[in-house]
């Protein structure tokens, strides 16, 4: 899988790729390696997702680990706080958007996870699964309420490693359909 990710990134959105401004991401298992002895499946060995290597090699722009457990569990296993920190600590200066489930019995857990993510070094944001659950539980309105965690518009974090051409010189000759040069013409260009 790592070879595949490398080839896609290099050919598609790497600095010399077809579309260097495209961002490549992956939703990965929420436990890279079970270093805590929780007895869980692991992204690295069970799903062949070497997300740390992808981040370290710079062949992915961001990962969204599926950390679908509460901040603190009653068993002490599989907790959101530990896993978000683990991914943040191993981001290799690429982006981590913590994947969160929406299906909690209380909106408080969701709001607490958003705030924890915002305060965890190495993470840039979160992604909540799924919109249908947010709306069916009434949480969507809570997220953007005047006192909700999404009350303010978010600024998209920059990715300084991406290639963005914003200066340069265009050279060439503008011609009429018959091939003769057009004189006294000005050209304007915009970047989208």
C-alpha atoms as a PDB file:
ATOM      1  CA  UNK A   1       0.000   0.000   0.000  1.00  0.00           C
ATOM      2  CA  UNK A   2       2.864   2.372   0.784  1.00  0.00           C
ATOM      3  CA  UNK A   3       4.259   1.938  -2.744  1.00  0.00           C
ATOM      4  CA  UNK A   4       0.812   2.687  -4.173  1.00  0.00           C
ATOM      5  CA  UNK A   5       0.413   5.832  -2.040  1.00  0.00           C
ATOM      6  CA  UNK A   6       3.913   6.943  -3.056  1.00  0.00           C
ATOM      7  CA  UNK A   7       3.177   6.499  -6.779  1.00  0.00           C
ATOM      8  CA  UNK A   8      -0.185   8.278  -6.582  1.00  0.00           C
ATOM      9  CA  UNK A   9       1.286  11.208  -4.663  1.00  0.00           C
ATOM     10  CA  UNK A  10       4.350  11.529  -6.890  1.00  0.00           C
ATOM     11  CA  UNK A  11       2.460  11.323 -10.178  1.00  0.00           C
ATOM     12  CA  UNK A  12      -0.644  13.245  -9.158  1.00  0.00           C
ATOM     13  CA  UNK A  13       0.020  15.862  -6.505  1.00  0.00           C
ATOM     14  CA  UNK A  14       3.712  15.895  -5.654  1.00  0.00           C
ATOM     15  CA  UNK A  15       5.783  18.970  -6.619  1.00  0.00           C
ATOM     16  CA  UNK A  16       6.260  17.610 -10.163  1.00  0.00           C
ATOM     17  CA  UNK A  17       2.881  15.906 -10.407  1.00  0.00           C
ATOM     18  CA  UNK A  18       0.028  16.545 -12.811  1.00  0.00           C
ATOM     19  CA  UNK A  19      -1.872  18.665 -10.245  1.00  0.00           C
ATOM     20  CA  UNK A  20       0.541  19.739  -7.473  1.00  0.00           C
ATOM     21  CA  UNK A  21      -2.183  21.719  -5.687  1.00  0.00           C
ATOM     22  CA  UNK A  22      -4.341  18.613  -5.126  1.00  0.00           C
ATOM     23  CA  UNK A  23      -4.222  17.321  -1.554  1.00  0.00           C
ATOM     24  CA  UNK A  24      -3.974  13.588  -0.904  1.00  0.00           C
ATOM     25  CA  UNK A  25      -5.454  12.243   2.312  1.00  0.00           C
ATOM     26  CA  UNK A  26      -6.403   8.955   3.928  1.00  0.00           C
ATOM     27  CA  UNK A  27      -8.790   7.901   6.656  1.00  0.00           C
ATOM     28  CA  UNK A  28      -6.720   5.453   8.660  1.00  0.00           C
ATOM     29  CA  UNK A  29      -7.420   3.129  11.562  1.00  0.00           C
ATOM     30  CA  UNK A  30      -7.394   5.024  14.871  1.00  0.00           C
ATOM     31  CA  UNK A  31      -4.704   2.824  16.425  1.00  0.00           C
ATOM     32  CA  UNK A  32      -1.444   2.853  14.461  1.00  0.00           C
ATOM     33  CA  UNK A  33       0.204   0.235  16.699  1.00  0.00           C
ATOM     34  CA  UNK A  34      -1.232  -1.041  19.981  1.00  0.00           C
ATOM     35  CA  UNK A  35       1.692   0.035  22.159  1.00  0.00           C
ATOM     36  CA  UNK A  36      -0.627   0.153  25.195  1.00  0.00           C
ATOM     37  CA  UNK A  37      -1.522  -3.554  25.115  1.00  0.00           C
ATOM     38  CA  UNK A  38      -5.235  -2.933  24.625  1.00  0.00           C
ATOM     39  CA  UNK A  39      -5.663  -6.016  22.422  1.00  0.00           C
ATOM     40  CA  UNK A  40      -6.940  -4.005  19.480  1.00  0.00           C
ATOM     41  CA  UNK A  41      -6.487  -4.301  15.759  1.00  0.00           C
ATOM     42  CA  UNK A  42      -3.774  -2.022  14.420  1.00  0.00           C
ATOM     43  CA  UNK A  43      -3.607   0.069  11.277  1.00  0.00           C
ATOM     44  CA  UNK A  44       0.015  -0.881  10.686  1.00  0.00           C
ATOM     45  CA  UNK A  45      -0.149  -4.672  10.905  1.00  0.00           C
ATOM     46  CA  UNK A  46      -3.823  -5.524  10.392  1.00  0.00           C
ATOM     47  CA  UNK A  47      -4.742  -3.082   7.612  1.00  0.00           C
ATOM     48  CA  UNK A  48      -1.265  -2.448   6.130  1.00  0.00           C
ATOM     49  CA  UNK A  49      -1.602   1.298   6.718  1.00  0.00           C
ATOM     50  CA  UNK A  50       1.832   2.671   7.479  1.00  0.00           C
ATOM     51  CA  UNK A  51       0.448   6.172   7.946  1.00  0.00           C
ATOM     52  CA  UNK A  52       3.487   7.321   9.941  1.00  0.00           C
ATOM     53  CA  UNK A  53       5.771   6.400   7.072  1.00  0.00           C
ATOM     54  CA  UNK A  54       3.481   8.175   4.590  1.00  0.00           C
ATOM     55  CA  UNK A  55       3.624  11.321   6.712  1.00  0.00           C
ATOM     56  CA  UNK A  56       7.391  11.069   7.304  1.00  0.00           C
ATOM     57  CA  UNK A  57       8.133  10.500   3.596  1.00  0.00           C
ATOM     58  CA  UNK A  58       5.877  13.392   2.637  1.00  0.00           C
ATOM     59  CA  UNK A  59       3.738  11.234   0.334  1.00  0.00           C
ATOM     60  CA  UNK A  60       0.442  12.239   1.910  1.00  0.00           C
ATOM     61  CA  UNK A  61      -0.795  15.672   2.891  1.00  0.00           C
ATOM     62  CA  UNK A  62      -2.985  14.667   5.811  1.00  0.00           C
ATOM     63  CA  UNK A  63      -4.498  11.719   7.574  1.00  0.00           C
ATOM     64  CA  UNK A  64      -7.750  11.503   9.443  1.00  0.00           C
ATOM     65  CA  UNK A  65      -7.390   8.677  11.957  1.00  0.00           C
ATOM     66  CA  UNK A  66     -10.747   7.088  12.774  1.00  0.00           C
ATOM     67  CA  UNK A  67     -10.678   7.521  16.542  1.00  0.00           C
ATOM     68  CA  UNK A  68     -14.247   6.480  17.297  1.00  0.00           C
ATOM     69  CA  UNK A  69     -13.861   6.045  21.077  1.00  0.00           C
ATOM     70  CA  UNK A  70     -14.690   8.430  23.931  1.00  0.00           C
ATOM     71  CA  UNK A  71     -12.071  10.647  25.579  1.00  0.00           C
ATOM     72  CA  UNK A  72     -11.865   8.329  28.562  1.00  0.00           C
ATOM     73  CA  UNK A  73     -13.377   4.873  28.570  1.00  0.00           C
ATOM     74  CA  UNK A  74     -14.477   3.021  31.685  1.00  0.00           C
ATOM     75  CA  UNK A  75     -11.994   0.231  30.912  1.00  0.00           C
ATOM     76  CA  UNK A  76      -9.089   2.632  30.340  1.00  0.00           C
ATOM     77  CA  UNK A  77      -8.676   1.222  26.846  1.00  0.00           C
ATOM     78  CA  UNK A  78      -9.240   2.780  23.446  1.00  0.00           C
ATOM     79  CA  UNK A  79      -9.474   6.354  24.580  1.00  0.00           C
ATOM     80  CA  UNK A  80      -9.639   9.342  22.271  1.00  0.00           C
ATOM     81  CA  UNK A  81      -7.220  11.512  24.279  1.00  0.00           C
ATOM     82  CA  UNK A  82      -4.364   8.991  24.117  1.00  0.00           C
ATOM     83  CA  UNK A  83      -4.857   8.239  20.431  1.00  0.00           C
ATOM     84  CA  UNK A  84      -5.132  11.873  19.302  1.00  0.00           C
ATOM     85  CA  UNK A  85      -1.908  12.664  21.150  1.00  0.00           C
ATOM     86  CA  UNK A  86      -0.185   9.656  19.575  1.00  0.00           C
ATOM     87  CA  UNK A  87      -1.096  10.774  16.055  1.00  0.00           C
ATOM     88  CA  UNK A  88      -0.255  14.420  16.818  1.00  0.00           C
ATOM     89  CA  UNK A  89       3.146  13.447  18.217  1.00  0.00           C
ATOM     90  CA  UNK A  90       3.940  11.554  15.010  1.00  0.00           C
ATOM     91  CA  UNK A  91       2.641  13.964  12.365  1.00  0.00           C
ATOM     92  CA  UNK A  92       6.046  14.722  10.787  1.00  0.00           C
ATOM     93  CA  UNK A  93       4.771  18.291  10.281  1.00  0.00           C
ATOM     94  CA  UNK A  94       1.947  17.097   8.043  1.00  0.00           C
ATOM     95  CA  UNK A  95      -1.684  17.541   8.994  1.00  0.00           C
ATOM     96  CA  UNK A  96      -3.756  15.374  11.322  1.00  0.00           C
ATOM     97  CA  UNK A  97      -7.543  15.797  11.380  1.00  0.00           C
ATOM     98  CA  UNK A  98      -8.882  13.555  14.133  1.00  0.00           C
ATOM     99  CA  UNK A  99     -11.789  11.414  12.969  1.00  0.00           C
ATOM    100  CA  UNK A 100     -14.609  11.396  15.504  1.00  0.00           C
ATOM    101  CA  UNK A 101     -17.872   9.513  15.697  1.00  0.00           C
ATOM    102  CA  UNK A 102     -21.098  11.474  16.108  1.00  0.00           C
ATOM    103  CA  UNK A 103     -23.119   8.725  17.750  1.00  0.00           C
ATOM    104  CA  UNK A 104     -22.624   9.657  21.398  1.00  0.00           C
ATOM    105  CA  UNK A 105     -25.545   9.799  23.806  1.00  0.00           C
ATOM    106  CA  UNK A 106     -24.507  13.314  24.790  1.00  0.00           C
ATOM    107  CA  UNK A 107     -23.333  16.292  22.728  1.00  0.00           C
ATOM    108  CA  UNK A 108     -20.901  17.108  25.554  1.00  0.00           C
ATOM    109  CA  UNK A 109     -18.572  14.243  24.540  1.00  0.00           C
ATOM    110  CA  UNK A 110     -18.441  15.529  20.971  1.00  0.00           C
ATOM    111  CA  UNK A 111     -17.749  19.121  22.076  1.00  0.00           C
ATOM    112  CA  UNK A 112     -15.072  17.919  24.506  1.00  0.00           C
ATOM    113  CA  UNK A 113     -13.348  15.914  21.738  1.00  0.00           C
ATOM    114  CA  UNK A 114     -13.333  18.962  19.442  1.00  0.00           C
ATOM    115  CA  UNK A 115     -11.776  21.096  22.179  1.00  0.00           C
ATOM    116  CA  UNK A 116      -9.243  18.397  23.058  1.00  0.00           C
ATOM    117  CA  UNK A 117      -8.212  18.146  19.400  1.00  0.00           C
ATOM    118  CA  UNK A 118      -7.788  21.908  19.189  1.00  0.00           C
ATOM    119  CA  UNK A 119      -5.453  21.781  22.176  1.00  0.00           C
ATOM    120  CA  UNK A 120      -3.364  18.806  21.044  1.00  0.00           C
ATOM    121  CA  UNK A 121      -0.048  19.678  19.453  1.00  0.00           C
ATOM    122  CA  UNK A 122       0.356  18.296  15.934  1.00  0.00           C
ATOM    123  CA  UNK A 123      -3.351  18.272  15.069  1.00  0.00           C
ATOM    124  CA  UNK A 124      -5.038  20.804  12.811  1.00  0.00           C
ATOM    125  CA  UNK A 125      -8.695  19.908  13.226  1.00  0.00           C
ATOM    126  CA  UNK A 126     -11.250  17.151  13.151  1.00  0.00           C
ATOM    127  CA  UNK A 127     -13.685  15.307  10.915  1.00  0.00           C
ATOM    128  CA  UNK A 128     -16.968  14.003  12.292  1.00  0.00           C
ATOM    129  CA  UNK A 129     -18.657  10.871  10.975  1.00  0.00           C
ATOM    130  CA  UNK A 130     -21.435  11.049   9.937  1.00  0.00           C
ATOM    131  CA  UNK A 131     -23.486  14.074   8.965  1.00  0.00           C
ATOM    132  CA  UNK A 132     -26.673  12.007   9.016  1.00  0.00           C
ATOM    133  CA  UNK A 133     -26.032  11.128  12.676  1.00  0.00           C
ATOM    134  CA  UNK A 134     -25.272  14.756  13.566  1.00  0.00           C
ATOM    135  CA  UNK A 135     -28.610  15.844  12.110  1.00  0.00           C
ATOM    136  CA  UNK A 136     -30.691  12.947  13.468  1.00  0.00           C
ATOM    137  CA  UNK A 137     -29.410  13.581  17.010  1.00  0.00           C
ATOM    138  CA  UNK A 138     -29.805  17.355  16.704  1.00  0.00           C
ATOM    139  CA  UNK A 139     -26.064  17.910  17.195  1.00  0.00           C
ATOM    140  CA  UNK A 140     -25.583  19.873  13.976  1.00  0.00           C
ATOM    141  CA  UNK A 141     -27.412  22.858  15.451  1.00  0.00           C
ATOM    142  CA  UNK A 142     -25.340  22.577  18.660  1.00  0.00           C
ATOM    143  CA  UNK A 143     -22.063  22.670  16.719  1.00  0.00           C
ATOM    144  CA  UNK A 144     -22.748  26.040  15.103  1.00  0.00           C
ATOM    145  CA  UNK A 145     -24.795  27.612  17.917  1.00  0.00           C
ATOM    146  CA  UNK A 146     -23.664  30.938  19.382  1.00  0.00           C
ATOM    147  CA  UNK A 147     -21.846  29.043  22.150  1.00  0.00           C
ATOM    148  CA  UNK A 148     -21.012  25.941  20.061  1.00  0.00           C
ATOM    149  CA  UNK A 149     -17.509  24.777  19.131  1.00  0.00           C
ATOM    150  CA  UNK A 150     -18.050  25.792  15.480  1.00  0.00           C
ATOM    151  CA  UNK A 151     -19.471  29.256  16.206  1.00  0.00           C
ATOM    152  CA  UNK A 152     -16.502  30.930  14.484  1.00  0.00           C
ATOM    153  CA  UNK A 153     -15.475  30.370  10.897  1.00  0.00           C
ATOM    154  CA  UNK A 154     -12.390  28.165  10.688  1.00  0.00           C
ATOM    155  CA  UNK A 155      -9.252  29.223   8.871  1.00  0.00           C
ATOM    156  CA  UNK A 156      -7.983  26.427   6.676  1.00  0.00           C
ATOM    157  CA  UNK A 157      -4.446  25.562   7.831  1.00  0.00           C
ATOM    158  CA  UNK A 158      -1.792  26.194   5.211  1.00  0.00           C
ATOM    159  CA  UNK A 159       0.278  23.410   3.724  1.00  0.00           C
ATOM    160  CA  UNK A 160       3.605  25.087   2.994  1.00  0.00           C
ATOM    161  CA  UNK A 161       4.973  21.975   1.263  1.00  0.00           C
ATOM    162  CA  UNK A 162       2.351  22.226  -1.501  1.00  0.00           C
ATOM    163  CA  UNK A 163       3.269  23.972  -4.738  1.00  0.00           C
ATOM    164  CA  UNK A 164       1.286  27.158  -5.258  1.00  0.00           C
ATOM    165  CA  UNK A 165       2.331  29.299  -8.180  1.00  0.00           C
ATOM    166  CA  UNK A 166       1.361  32.864  -7.411  1.00  0.00           C
ATOM    167  CA  UNK A 167       4.044  34.830  -9.240  1.00  0.00           C
ATOM    168  CA  UNK A 168       5.720  34.510 -12.583  1.00  0.00           C
ATOM    169  CA  UNK A 169       6.016  35.842 -16.083  1.00  0.00           C
ATOM    170  CA  UNK A 170       3.939  34.698 -19.015  1.00  0.00           C
ATOM    171  CA  UNK A 171       5.793  34.882 -22.298  1.00  0.00           C
ATOM    172  CA  UNK A 172       4.648  34.214 -25.827  1.00  0.00           C
ATOM    173  CA  UNK A 173       3.097  35.766 -28.876  1.00  0.00           C
ATOM    174  CA  UNK A 174      -0.633  36.264 -29.337  1.00  0.00           C
ATOM    175  CA  UNK A 175      -1.680  35.666 -32.900  1.00  0.00           C
ATOM    176  CA  UNK A 176      -4.758  36.151 -35.030  1.00  0.00           C
ATOM    177  CA  UNK A 177      -6.416  33.079 -36.566  1.00  0.00           C
ATOM    178  CA  UNK A 178      -4.337  33.616 -39.726  1.00  0.00           C
ATOM    179  CA  UNK A 179      -1.107  33.482 -37.646  1.00  0.00           C
ATOM    180  CA  UNK A 180      -0.145  37.150 -37.818  1.00  0.00           C
ATOM    181  CA  UNK A 181       0.904  38.735 -34.474  1.00  0.00           C
ATOM    182  CA  UNK A 182      -1.534  40.929 -32.589  1.00  0.00           C
ATOM    183  CA  UNK A 183      -0.015  44.251 -31.559  1.00  0.00           C
ATOM    184  CA  UNK A 184      -0.817  46.612 -28.700  1.00  0.00           C
ATOM    185  CA  UNK A 185      -2.685  44.075 -26.574  1.00  0.00           C
ATOM    186  CA  UNK A 186      -2.671  43.563 -22.834  1.00  0.00           C
ATOM    187  CA  UNK A 187      -3.257  40.223 -21.133  1.00  0.00           C
ATOM    188  CA  UNK A 188      -4.535  39.615 -17.619  1.00  0.00           C
ATOM    189  CA  UNK A 189      -4.471  36.294 -15.813  1.00  0.00           C
ATOM    190  CA  UNK A 190      -6.078  35.102 -12.585  1.00  0.00           C
ATOM    191  CA  UNK A 191      -5.234  32.143 -10.428  1.00  0.00           C
ATOM    192  CA  UNK A 192      -8.128  30.113  -9.085  1.00  0.00           C
END
